[in-house]
Amino acid sequence: MRFGLLFLLAGFAPLFAQNNQLAGMQQDLSELRNEVEKLKLENADLRDALNKQRNATVGNSSSAEASARTKAEALAEVDRRLKQQTADVNAALAELARRVDAALAGRQPTTRPTTPSTSPTKPVGAPPGANPPAAPDDGLPTDIPRTGTTYKVKPGDTLIRIARQFGSKPEWIMQANKLPSAGALRSDVEIFVPQPEAR
C-alpha cells in the first residue's frame, strides 16, 4: 500500500511542478504590470508639469524654454521606458500563453483511444463541411481520429477553445495540422479538427 501511495505521489509531481512554474510566471507578470502602472503615473505627472509650465506666464522666456525642454526630454525618456516595459509585459504574456498551451497539449490521456477502423464514417452531429476520414497510412499517430471537420480559424481562437467546441483535443489538432506549437495557430487559415467517431 505504501508503494502505491508513493507511486501515486510520484505521478502528481510533474503536475505540481507545472503549477508552481505557472504561479511563478503569473507573479512575474503581476510585478511587470505594477511597474508599467508606476511608469504611467510618472508619465502623467510629467505631462501635467509640462502643461503647467507652458501655460504659466514666465517673465524670462529663455529660462522657461530651457525648463520646458528639460521636462520634454524627461517626458520622452519616461515614454521610452513605458514602451519598453509594455513590450516586456507583452512578451512575457506571450511566453506564458505559449507555456500554458504547451503544458496543456503535453498532458496525455490516462487511457489511449482505440485505433480507428479502416472504414470510419462521418461522426454523428458533425457540422456541414465535415471531412471524410483520412487514410490510415497518412503518417499521423494511430491514436488520432481520422474523422473530423475543417474549421476556419477566427481572430482570438485558441487550440483549447477550438478543441472544446468540436469535442477534440489540442494535441490532436496540432499533430493533424503539423503545428510546431500552439502559438503557430493563425487566423483566417483552414485547419482539420479531428473528432472521435460516434459510437
Protein backbone atom coordinates (compact mmCIF):
# COMPACT_ATOMS: atom_id res chain seq x y z
CA MET A 1 0.00 0.00 0.00
CA ARG A 2 2.92 2.34 0.76
CA PHE A 3 4.36 1.68 -2.67
CA GLY A 4 1.00 2.51 -4.22
CA LEU A 5 0.87 5.86 -2.39
CA LEU A 6 4.46 6.65 -3.37
CA PHE A 7 3.70 5.76 -6.98
CA LEU A 8 0.61 8.00 -6.92
CA LEU A 9 2.56 10.91 -5.41
CA ALA A 10 5.33 10.46 -7.97
CA GLY A 11 2.72 10.66 -10.73
CA PHE A 12 1.46 14.02 -9.45
CA ALA A 13 4.94 15.54 -9.08
CA PRO A 14 5.21 16.88 -12.68
CA LEU A 15 1.76 18.45 -12.38
CA PHE A 16 2.74 20.20 -9.15
CA ALA A 17 5.96 21.42 -10.80
CA GLN A 18 4.00 22.84 -13.74
CA ASN A 19 1.55 24.57 -11.41
CA ASN A 20 4.43 26.10 -9.43
CA GLN A 21 6.09 27.28 -12.64
CA LEU A 22 2.84 28.86 -13.85
CA ALA A 23 2.32 30.54 -10.48
CA GLY A 24 5.85 31.98 -10.65
CA MET A 25 5.25 33.34 -14.14
CA GLN A 26 1.96 34.89 -13.06
CA GLN A 27 3.71 36.62 -10.16
CA ASP A 28 6.38 37.97 -12.55
CA LEU A 29 3.64 39.30 -14.82
CA SER A 30 1.91 40.95 -11.89
CA GLU A 31 5.16 42.71 -10.94
CA LEU A 32 5.67 43.86 -14.54
CA ARG A 33 2.13 45.23 -14.63
CA ASN A 34 2.80 47.17 -11.40
CA GLU A 35 5.95 48.66 -12.96
CA VAL A 36 4.01 49.71 -16.03
CA GLU A 37 1.34 51.36 -13.87
CA LYS A 38 4.05 53.30 -11.95
CA LEU A 39 5.57 54.47 -15.22
CA LYS A 40 2.15 55.56 -16.46
CA LEU A 41 1.66 57.63 -13.31
CA GLU A 42 5.11 59.21 -13.70
CA ASN A 43 4.29 59.96 -17.32
CA ALA A 44 1.01 61.64 -16.35
CA ASP A 45 2.74 63.71 -13.64
CA LEU A 46 5.41 64.90 -16.06
CA ARG A 47 2.81 65.77 -18.68
CA ASP A 48 0.87 67.82 -16.09
CA ALA A 49 4.03 69.62 -15.01
CA LEU A 50 4.95 70.36 -18.63
CA ASN A 51 1.48 71.70 -19.39
CA LYS A 52 1.54 73.92 -16.30
CA GLN A 53 4.95 75.20 -17.30
CA ARG A 54 3.73 76.04 -20.80
CA ASN A 55 0.59 77.75 -19.52
CA ALA A 56 2.34 79.77 -16.84
CA THR A 57 3.42 83.27 -17.74
CA VAL A 58 7.11 83.48 -17.13
CA GLY A 59 8.99 86.77 -17.33
CA ASN A 60 12.18 85.19 -18.55
CA SER A 61 11.22 83.22 -21.69
CA SER A 62 14.67 81.71 -22.22
CA SER A 63 14.72 80.04 -18.79
CA ALA A 64 11.13 78.90 -19.33
CA GLU A 65 12.10 77.38 -22.67
CA ALA A 66 15.09 75.63 -21.12
CA SER A 67 12.92 74.26 -18.32
CA ALA A 68 10.27 73.15 -20.79
CA ARG A 69 12.93 71.47 -22.94
CA THR A 70 14.31 69.65 -19.90
CA LYS A 71 10.86 68.47 -18.93
CA ALA A 72 10.11 67.41 -22.50
CA GLU A 73 13.31 65.35 -22.54
CA ALA A 74 12.35 63.74 -19.23
CA LEU A 75 8.89 63.04 -20.62
CA ALA A 76 10.38 61.46 -23.74
CA GLU A 77 12.57 59.22 -21.54
CA VAL A 78 9.56 58.15 -19.47
CA ASP A 79 7.65 57.43 -22.70
CA ARG A 80 10.57 55.32 -23.95
CA ARG A 81 10.72 53.39 -20.67
CA LEU A 82 6.95 52.89 -20.70
CA LYS A 83 7.07 51.48 -24.23
CA GLN A 84 9.91 49.15 -23.24
CA GLN A 85 8.04 47.94 -20.15
CA THR A 86 4.88 47.41 -22.22
CA ALA A 87 6.85 45.40 -24.78
CA ASP A 88 8.35 43.32 -21.93
CA VAL A 89 4.90 42.66 -20.45
CA ASN A 90 3.52 41.65 -23.87
CA ALA A 91 6.48 39.33 -24.46
CA ALA A 92 6.02 37.79 -21.01
CA LEU A 93 2.29 37.29 -21.64
CA ALA A 94 3.01 35.64 -25.00
CA GLU A 95 5.58 33.35 -23.37
CA LEU A 96 3.13 32.49 -20.57
CA ALA A 97 0.41 31.66 -23.11
CA ARG A 98 2.86 29.51 -25.08
CA ARG A 99 3.91 27.62 -21.96
CA VAL A 100 0.33 27.11 -20.79
CA ASP A 101 -0.67 25.81 -24.24
CA ALA A 102 2.39 23.56 -24.31
CA ALA A 103 1.64 22.27 -20.79
CA LEU A 104 -1.99 21.57 -21.68
CA ALA A 105 -1.05 19.99 -25.00
CA GLY A 106 1.57 17.82 -23.27
CA ARG A 107 -0.92 16.19 -20.91
CA GLN A 108 -1.66 12.73 -22.27
CA PRO A 109 -5.00 11.00 -21.63
CA THR A 110 -4.99 8.32 -18.96
CA THR A 111 -6.29 5.76 -21.45
CA ARG A 112 -5.26 5.75 -25.08
CA PRO A 113 -8.14 5.90 -27.54
CA THR A 114 -8.56 2.83 -29.66
CA THR A 115 -7.16 2.84 -33.16
CA PRO A 116 -9.87 3.85 -35.63
CA SER A 117 -11.16 1.22 -38.01
CA THR A 118 -10.12 1.30 -41.64
CA SER A 119 -13.59 2.35 -42.77
CA PRO A 120 -14.74 5.08 -40.37
CA THR A 121 -17.80 7.16 -41.09
CA LYS A 122 -18.58 10.80 -40.62
CA PRO A 123 -19.37 11.47 -36.94
CA VAL A 124 -22.97 11.97 -35.97
CA GLY A 125 -23.78 15.61 -35.34
CA ALA A 126 -20.73 16.87 -37.25
CA PRO A 127 -21.32 20.31 -38.78
CA PRO A 128 -21.75 20.69 -42.53
CA GLY A 129 -18.42 20.53 -44.32
CA ALA A 130 -17.20 17.62 -42.23
CA ASN A 131 -14.33 15.92 -43.96
CA PRO A 132 -14.23 12.24 -44.75
CA PRO A 133 -11.70 10.29 -42.73
CA ALA A 134 -8.06 10.41 -43.74
CA ALA A 135 -6.35 7.29 -44.99
CA PRO A 136 -4.80 5.12 -42.27
CA ASP A 137 -1.37 5.48 -43.87
CA ASP A 138 -1.40 9.29 -43.60
CA GLY A 139 1.62 9.40 -41.25
CA LEU A 140 -0.36 10.53 -38.19
CA PRO A 141 -0.12 8.68 -34.88
CA THR A 142 -2.66 5.89 -34.57
CA ASP A 143 -4.39 7.46 -31.54
CA ILE A 144 -5.60 10.47 -33.56
CA PRO A 145 -9.10 10.05 -35.03
CA ARG A 146 -9.24 10.16 -38.82
CA THR A 147 -12.74 11.64 -38.75
CA GLY A 148 -13.32 15.31 -38.18
CA THR A 149 -14.18 18.63 -39.75
CA THR A 150 -12.48 21.59 -41.33
CA TYR A 151 -12.59 24.89 -39.48
CA LYS A 152 -11.51 28.40 -40.46
CA VAL A 153 -9.63 29.92 -37.53
CA LYS A 154 -11.07 33.21 -36.28
CA PRO A 155 -9.11 36.01 -34.57
CA GLY A 156 -8.82 35.23 -30.86
CA ASP A 157 -9.27 31.47 -31.31
CA THR A 158 -7.02 29.15 -29.32
CA LEU A 159 -6.38 25.44 -29.69
CA ILE A 160 -8.16 24.78 -26.41
CA ARG A 161 -11.26 26.74 -27.44
CA ILE A 162 -11.45 25.00 -30.84
CA ALA A 163 -10.91 21.58 -29.24
CA ARG A 164 -13.73 22.19 -26.73
CA GLN A 165 -16.04 23.47 -29.46
CA PHE A 166 -15.66 20.31 -31.56
CA GLY A 167 -15.05 17.67 -28.85
CA SER A 168 -11.44 17.29 -29.92
CA LYS A 169 -8.07 17.66 -28.16
CA PRO A 170 -5.45 20.41 -28.66
CA GLU A 171 -2.68 17.86 -29.25
CA TRP A 172 -4.76 16.14 -31.97
CA ILE A 173 -5.27 19.44 -33.77
CA MET A 174 -1.56 20.28 -33.52
CA GLN A 175 -0.48 16.88 -34.87
CA ALA A 176 -3.12 16.70 -37.61
CA ASN A 177 -2.12 20.15 -38.90
CA LYS A 178 1.62 19.74 -38.19
CA LEU A 179 1.70 22.83 -35.95
CA PRO A 180 5.04 23.13 -34.13
CA SER A 181 3.38 24.93 -31.20
CA ALA A 182 0.05 26.36 -30.08
CA GLY A 183 1.36 29.81 -31.00
CA ALA A 184 1.62 28.74 -34.66
CA LEU A 185 -2.19 28.87 -34.98
CA ARG A 186 -3.11 31.69 -37.38
CA SER A 187 -6.49 33.30 -38.04
CA ASP A 188 -8.20 33.00 -41.44
CA VAL A 189 -6.50 29.64 -42.07
CA GLU A 190 -8.47 26.41 -42.54
CA ILE A 191 -7.41 23.57 -40.27
CA PHE A 192 -8.56 19.98 -39.80
CA VAL A 193 -10.12 19.27 -36.39
CA PRO A 194 -10.03 15.52 -35.59
CA GLN A 195 -13.15 14.22 -33.84
CA PRO A 196 -13.68 10.76 -32.38
CA GLU A 197 -16.20 8.56 -34.10
CA ALA A 198 -19.68 8.47 -32.62
CA ARG A 199 -20.40 5.09 -31.12
